[in-house]
């Protein structure tokens, strides 16, 4: 009986120890992060820059997913890859506007800090056919930057129509 009790406690200890070790929180640096950033707040940090400086925000560099201020797409989703300084927190907003200019927020990422790898990835979705705005906000300490991109999502019917016209044109070539 004593042997079974020792064996049971040993097994319990084996399963309990990894759980306790893995449950410890990852400490963020001493930077205090204000969690309540709204689209309107972030829009206040958007600067109008030249096209060649568009993807370099200083704290972060956009490496994949966005390349121009305005671009069309047929895709409903896009993956954004960002490189930046460790400890920089990032939020990505996707929104559309109505005729009165009111903001309709369709996607907001969870605020995350870039880790030691210096890499941040997020998959965003465009729920609205037409103009979608992608707002990338980055913050480290007192430094805050943002960039605004306009993605014009086209209907799938338009894509099919364009493909069929392309096929018709190719048939005309001898």
C-alpha atoms as a PDB file:
ATOM      1  CA  UNK A   1       0.000   0.000   0.000  1.00  0.00           C
ATOM      2  CA  UNK A   2       2.816   2.371   0.891  1.00  0.00           C
ATOM      3  CA  UNK A   3       4.509   1.515  -2.380  1.00  0.00           C
ATOM      4  CA  UNK A   4       1.362   2.391  -4.350  1.00  0.00           C
ATOM      5  CA  UNK A   5       0.988   5.705  -2.525  1.00  0.00           C
ATOM      6  CA  UNK A   6       4.598   6.664  -3.296  1.00  0.00           C
ATOM      7  CA  UNK A   7       4.092   5.641  -6.949  1.00  0.00           C
ATOM      8  CA  UNK A   8       0.868   7.682  -7.147  1.00  0.00           C
ATOM      9  CA  UNK A   9       2.534  10.766  -5.642  1.00  0.00           C
ATOM     10  CA  UNK A  10       5.463  10.353  -8.035  1.00  0.00           C
ATOM     11  CA  UNK A  11       3.123  10.242 -11.055  1.00  0.00           C
ATOM     12  CA  UNK A  12       1.154  13.219  -9.727  1.00  0.00           C
ATOM     13  CA  UNK A  13       4.389  15.159  -9.264  1.00  0.00           C
ATOM     14  CA  UNK A  14       5.455  14.354 -12.844  1.00  0.00           C
ATOM     15  CA  UNK A  15       2.251  15.799 -14.318  1.00  0.00           C
ATOM     16  CA  UNK A  16       2.007  18.714 -11.929  1.00  0.00           C
ATOM     17  CA  UNK A  17       5.558  20.082 -12.294  1.00  0.00           C
ATOM     18  CA  UNK A  18       5.489  20.862 -16.046  1.00  0.00           C
ATOM     19  CA  UNK A  19       2.125  22.568 -15.657  1.00  0.00           C
ATOM     20  CA  UNK A  20       3.427  24.847 -12.960  1.00  0.00           C
ATOM     21  CA  UNK A  21       6.594  25.639 -14.882  1.00  0.00           C
ATOM     22  CA  UNK A  22       4.776  26.425 -18.132  1.00  0.00           C
ATOM     23  CA  UNK A  23       2.117  28.525 -16.464  1.00  0.00           C
ATOM     24  CA  UNK A  24       4.493  31.240 -15.325  1.00  0.00           C
ATOM     25  CA  UNK A  25       3.867  34.534 -17.143  1.00  0.00           C
ATOM     26  CA  UNK A  26       6.323  35.908 -19.669  1.00  0.00           C
ATOM     27  CA  UNK A  27       7.498  39.169 -18.269  1.00  0.00           C
ATOM     28  CA  UNK A  28       7.206  42.161 -20.544  1.00  0.00           C
ATOM     29  CA  UNK A  29       9.914  44.753 -20.315  1.00  0.00           C
ATOM     30  CA  UNK A  30       9.459  47.673 -17.982  1.00  0.00           C
ATOM     31  CA  UNK A  31       7.558  49.543 -20.710  1.00  0.00           C
ATOM     32  CA  UNK A  32       4.041  50.273 -19.602  1.00  0.00           C
ATOM     33  CA  UNK A  33       1.574  49.765 -22.421  1.00  0.00           C
ATOM     34  CA  UNK A  34      -1.680  51.688 -22.646  1.00  0.00           C
ATOM     35  CA  UNK A  35      -4.156  49.057 -23.837  1.00  0.00           C
ATOM     36  CA  UNK A  36      -6.912  51.441 -24.828  1.00  0.00           C
ATOM     37  CA  UNK A  37      -5.956  52.706 -28.296  1.00  0.00           C
ATOM     38  CA  UNK A  38      -8.868  53.392 -30.623  1.00  0.00           C
ATOM     39  CA  UNK A  39      -8.897  53.871 -34.383  1.00  0.00           C
ATOM     40  CA  UNK A  40      -9.438  57.588 -33.842  1.00  0.00           C
ATOM     41  CA  UNK A  41      -6.416  57.765 -31.499  1.00  0.00           C
ATOM     42  CA  UNK A  42      -4.204  55.895 -33.958  1.00  0.00           C
ATOM     43  CA  UNK A  43      -5.322  58.077 -36.895  1.00  0.00           C
ATOM     44  CA  UNK A  44      -3.792  61.030 -35.043  1.00  0.00           C
ATOM     45  CA  UNK A  45      -0.317  59.552 -35.615  1.00  0.00           C
ATOM     46  CA  UNK A  46      -0.663  58.965 -39.379  1.00  0.00           C
ATOM     47  CA  UNK A  47       1.831  60.984 -41.411  1.00  0.00           C
ATOM     48  CA  UNK A  48       1.690  61.602 -45.135  1.00  0.00           C
ATOM     49  CA  UNK A  49       4.944  60.195 -46.534  1.00  0.00           C
ATOM     50  CA  UNK A  50       6.439  59.515 -49.932  1.00  0.00           C
ATOM     51  CA  UNK A  51       5.820  56.125 -51.536  1.00  0.00           C
ATOM     52  CA  UNK A  52       9.427  54.915 -51.030  1.00  0.00           C
ATOM     53  CA  UNK A  53       9.244  55.599 -47.274  1.00  0.00           C
ATOM     54  CA  UNK A  54       5.761  54.161 -46.862  1.00  0.00           C
ATOM     55  CA  UNK A  55       6.776  50.760 -45.479  1.00  0.00           C
ATOM     56  CA  UNK A  56       9.418  52.020 -43.018  1.00  0.00           C
ATOM     57  CA  UNK A  57       7.821  53.524 -39.930  1.00  0.00           C
ATOM     58  CA  UNK A  58      11.042  53.790 -37.926  1.00  0.00           C
ATOM     59  CA  UNK A  59       9.996  51.431 -35.127  1.00  0.00           C
ATOM     60  CA  UNK A  60       8.805  48.809 -37.614  1.00  0.00           C
ATOM     61  CA  UNK A  61       9.179  47.855 -41.272  1.00  0.00           C
ATOM     62  CA  UNK A  62       6.334  46.262 -43.210  1.00  0.00           C
ATOM     63  CA  UNK A  63       7.851  43.326 -45.095  1.00  0.00           C
ATOM     64  CA  UNK A  64       4.841  41.550 -46.624  1.00  0.00           C
ATOM     65  CA  UNK A  65       1.163  42.115 -47.311  1.00  0.00           C
ATOM     66  CA  UNK A  66       1.103  45.830 -48.052  1.00  0.00           C
ATOM     67  CA  UNK A  67       3.168  47.605 -50.685  1.00  0.00           C
ATOM     68  CA  UNK A  68       1.329  50.762 -51.816  1.00  0.00           C
ATOM     69  CA  UNK A  69      -0.895  53.400 -50.255  1.00  0.00           C
ATOM     70  CA  UNK A  70      -3.796  52.331 -52.455  1.00  0.00           C
ATOM     71  CA  UNK A  71      -4.209  48.960 -54.115  1.00  0.00           C
ATOM     72  CA  UNK A  72      -6.988  46.744 -55.468  1.00  0.00           C
ATOM     73  CA  UNK A  73      -7.547  43.121 -54.486  1.00  0.00           C
ATOM     74  CA  UNK A  74      -9.972  40.264 -55.001  1.00  0.00           C
ATOM     75  CA  UNK A  75      -8.797  38.459 -51.858  1.00  0.00           C
ATOM     76  CA  UNK A  76     -10.809  38.518 -48.647  1.00  0.00           C
ATOM     77  CA  UNK A  77      -7.730  37.946 -46.461  1.00  0.00           C
ATOM     78  CA  UNK A  78      -4.144  39.079 -46.423  1.00  0.00           C
ATOM     79  CA  UNK A  79      -1.148  38.175 -44.279  1.00  0.00           C
ATOM     80  CA  UNK A  80       0.879  41.063 -42.914  1.00  0.00           C
ATOM     81  CA  UNK A  81       4.523  40.499 -41.921  1.00  0.00           C
ATOM     82  CA  UNK A  82       6.337  43.149 -39.913  1.00  0.00           C
ATOM     83  CA  UNK A  83       9.862  43.390 -38.519  1.00  0.00           C
ATOM     84  CA  UNK A  84      10.611  45.694 -35.637  1.00  0.00           C
ATOM     85  CA  UNK A  85      12.394  46.450 -32.431  1.00  0.00           C
ATOM     86  CA  UNK A  86      11.812  44.150 -29.491  1.00  0.00           C
ATOM     87  CA  UNK A  87       9.185  45.487 -27.104  1.00  0.00           C
ATOM     88  CA  UNK A  88       7.361  47.523 -29.756  1.00  0.00           C
ATOM     89  CA  UNK A  89       3.618  46.959 -29.454  1.00  0.00           C
ATOM     90  CA  UNK A  90       1.493  46.743 -32.586  1.00  0.00           C
ATOM     91  CA  UNK A  91      -2.222  46.965 -33.327  1.00  0.00           C
ATOM     92  CA  UNK A  92      -3.746  46.566 -36.782  1.00  0.00           C
ATOM     93  CA  UNK A  93      -7.180  48.013 -37.529  1.00  0.00           C
ATOM     94  CA  UNK A  94      -9.270  47.348 -40.649  1.00  0.00           C
ATOM     95  CA  UNK A  95     -12.265  49.585 -41.205  1.00  0.00           C
ATOM     96  CA  UNK A  96     -14.554  51.058 -43.822  1.00  0.00           C
ATOM     97  CA  UNK A  97     -16.479  54.314 -43.835  1.00  0.00           C
ATOM     98  CA  UNK A  98     -20.063  55.141 -44.747  1.00  0.00           C
ATOM     99  CA  UNK A  99     -21.325  58.140 -46.750  1.00  0.00           C
ATOM    100  CA  UNK A 100     -21.264  60.346 -43.634  1.00  0.00           C
ATOM    101  CA  UNK A 101     -17.630  59.416 -42.906  1.00  0.00           C
ATOM    102  CA  UNK A 102     -18.442  57.283 -39.848  1.00  0.00           C
ATOM    103  CA  UNK A 103     -15.929  54.517 -39.153  1.00  0.00           C
ATOM    104  CA  UNK A 104     -17.166  50.909 -39.297  1.00  0.00           C
ATOM    105  CA  UNK A 105     -14.460  48.818 -37.615  1.00  0.00           C
ATOM    106  CA  UNK A 106     -14.362  45.332 -39.174  1.00  0.00           C
ATOM    107  CA  UNK A 107     -11.118  43.982 -37.666  1.00  0.00           C
ATOM    108  CA  UNK A 108      -8.892  44.873 -34.727  1.00  0.00           C
ATOM    109  CA  UNK A 109      -5.883  42.765 -33.799  1.00  0.00           C
ATOM    110  CA  UNK A 110      -4.950  42.096 -30.228  1.00  0.00           C
ATOM    111  CA  UNK A 111      -2.165  44.421 -29.082  1.00  0.00           C
ATOM    112  CA  UNK A 112       1.036  42.402 -29.142  1.00  0.00           C
ATOM    113  CA  UNK A 113       4.616  43.272 -28.380  1.00  0.00           C
ATOM    114  CA  UNK A 114       7.330  42.178 -30.781  1.00  0.00           C
ATOM    115  CA  UNK A 115       9.542  39.579 -29.141  1.00  0.00           C
ATOM    116  CA  UNK A 116      13.228  38.780 -29.364  1.00  0.00           C
ATOM    117  CA  UNK A 117      12.861  37.459 -32.919  1.00  0.00           C
ATOM    118  CA  UNK A 118      11.825  40.908 -34.122  1.00  0.00           C
ATOM    119  CA  UNK A 119       9.006  39.436 -36.229  1.00  0.00           C
ATOM    120  CA  UNK A 120       5.256  40.068 -36.096  1.00  0.00           C
ATOM    121  CA  UNK A 121       2.637  38.373 -38.320  1.00  0.00           C
ATOM    122  CA  UNK A 122      -1.096  38.929 -38.546  1.00  0.00           C
ATOM    123  CA  UNK A 123      -3.791  37.671 -40.876  1.00  0.00           C
ATOM    124  CA  UNK A 124      -6.369  40.371 -41.613  1.00  0.00           C
ATOM    125  CA  UNK A 125      -9.701  40.130 -43.409  1.00  0.00           C
ATOM    126  CA  UNK A 126     -11.589  42.549 -45.635  1.00  0.00           C
ATOM    127  CA  UNK A 127     -15.298  42.117 -44.922  1.00  0.00           C
ATOM    128  CA  UNK A 128     -16.430  45.033 -47.067  1.00  0.00           C
ATOM    129  CA  UNK A 129     -16.606  45.051 -50.858  1.00  0.00           C
ATOM    130  CA  UNK A 130     -15.164  48.405 -51.889  1.00  0.00           C
ATOM    131  CA  UNK A 131     -12.855  50.611 -49.872  1.00  0.00           C
ATOM    132  CA  UNK A 132     -11.199  49.086 -46.802  1.00  0.00           C
ATOM    133  CA  UNK A 133      -8.647  50.966 -44.750  1.00  0.00           C
ATOM    134  CA  UNK A 134      -5.769  49.212 -42.993  1.00  0.00           C
ATOM    135  CA  UNK A 135      -4.276  51.207 -40.130  1.00  0.00           C
ATOM    136  CA  UNK A 136      -1.042  49.909 -38.590  1.00  0.00           C
ATOM    137  CA  UNK A 137      -0.194  51.456 -35.226  1.00  0.00           C
ATOM    138  CA  UNK A 138       3.124  50.902 -33.430  1.00  0.00           C
ATOM    139  CA  UNK A 139       4.223  52.172 -30.041  1.00  0.00           C
ATOM    140  CA  UNK A 140       7.348  51.888 -27.913  1.00  0.00           C
ATOM    141  CA  UNK A 141       7.617  54.078 -24.866  1.00  0.00           C
ATOM    142  CA  UNK A 142       6.736  57.617 -25.882  1.00  0.00           C
ATOM    143  CA  UNK A 143       7.309  56.974 -29.606  1.00  0.00           C
ATOM    144  CA  UNK A 144       4.084  56.331 -31.543  1.00  0.00           C
ATOM    145  CA  UNK A 145       3.707  55.927 -35.319  1.00  0.00           C
ATOM    146  CA  UNK A 146       0.951  54.842 -37.698  1.00  0.00           C
ATOM    147  CA  UNK A 147       0.422  54.221 -41.426  1.00  0.00           C
ATOM    148  CA  UNK A 148      -2.824  54.122 -43.353  1.00  0.00           C
ATOM    149  CA  UNK A 149      -3.386  51.976 -46.447  1.00  0.00           C
ATOM    150  CA  UNK A 150      -6.456  51.823 -48.675  1.00  0.00           C
ATOM    151  CA  UNK A 151      -7.384  48.405 -50.071  1.00  0.00           C
ATOM    152  CA  UNK A 152     -10.164  48.354 -52.647  1.00  0.00           C
ATOM    153  CA  UNK A 153     -11.717  44.892 -52.533  1.00  0.00           C
ATOM    154  CA  UNK A 154     -13.381  43.984 -55.824  1.00  0.00           C
ATOM    155  CA  UNK A 155     -16.273  41.570 -56.325  1.00  0.00           C
ATOM    156  CA  UNK A 156     -15.520  37.983 -57.353  1.00  0.00           C
ATOM    157  CA  UNK A 157     -17.893  38.467 -60.290  1.00  0.00           C
ATOM    158  CA  UNK A 158     -15.552  41.178 -61.597  1.00  0.00           C
ATOM    159  CA  UNK A 159     -12.641  38.762 -61.415  1.00  0.00           C
ATOM    160  CA  UNK A 160     -14.555  36.091 -63.330  1.00  0.00           C
ATOM    161  CA  UNK A 161     -15.653  38.647 -65.928  1.00  0.00           C
ATOM    162  CA  UNK A 162     -12.072  39.866 -66.416  1.00  0.00           C
ATOM    163  CA  UNK A 163     -10.784  36.308 -66.750  1.00  0.00           C
ATOM    164  CA  UNK A 164     -13.380  35.454 -69.390  1.00  0.00           C
ATOM    165  CA  UNK A 165     -12.570  38.613 -71.372  1.00  0.00           C
ATOM    166  CA  UNK A 166      -8.893  37.759 -71.218  1.00  0.00           C
ATOM    167  CA  UNK A 167      -9.662  34.314 -72.562  1.00  0.00           C
ATOM    168  CA  UNK A 168     -11.723  35.852 -75.402  1.00  0.00           C
ATOM    169  CA  UNK A 169      -8.850  38.165 -76.334  1.00  0.00           C
ATOM    170  CA  UNK A 170      -6.393  35.256 -76.334  1.00  0.00           C
ATOM    171  CA  UNK A 171      -8.649  33.372 -78.746  1.00  0.00           C
ATOM    172  CA  UNK A 172      -8.390  36.258 -81.224  1.00  0.00           C
ATOM    173  CA  UNK A 173      -4.583  36.016 -81.383  1.00  0.00           C
ATOM    174  CA  UNK A 174      -3.510  33.714 -84.293  1.00  0.00           C
END
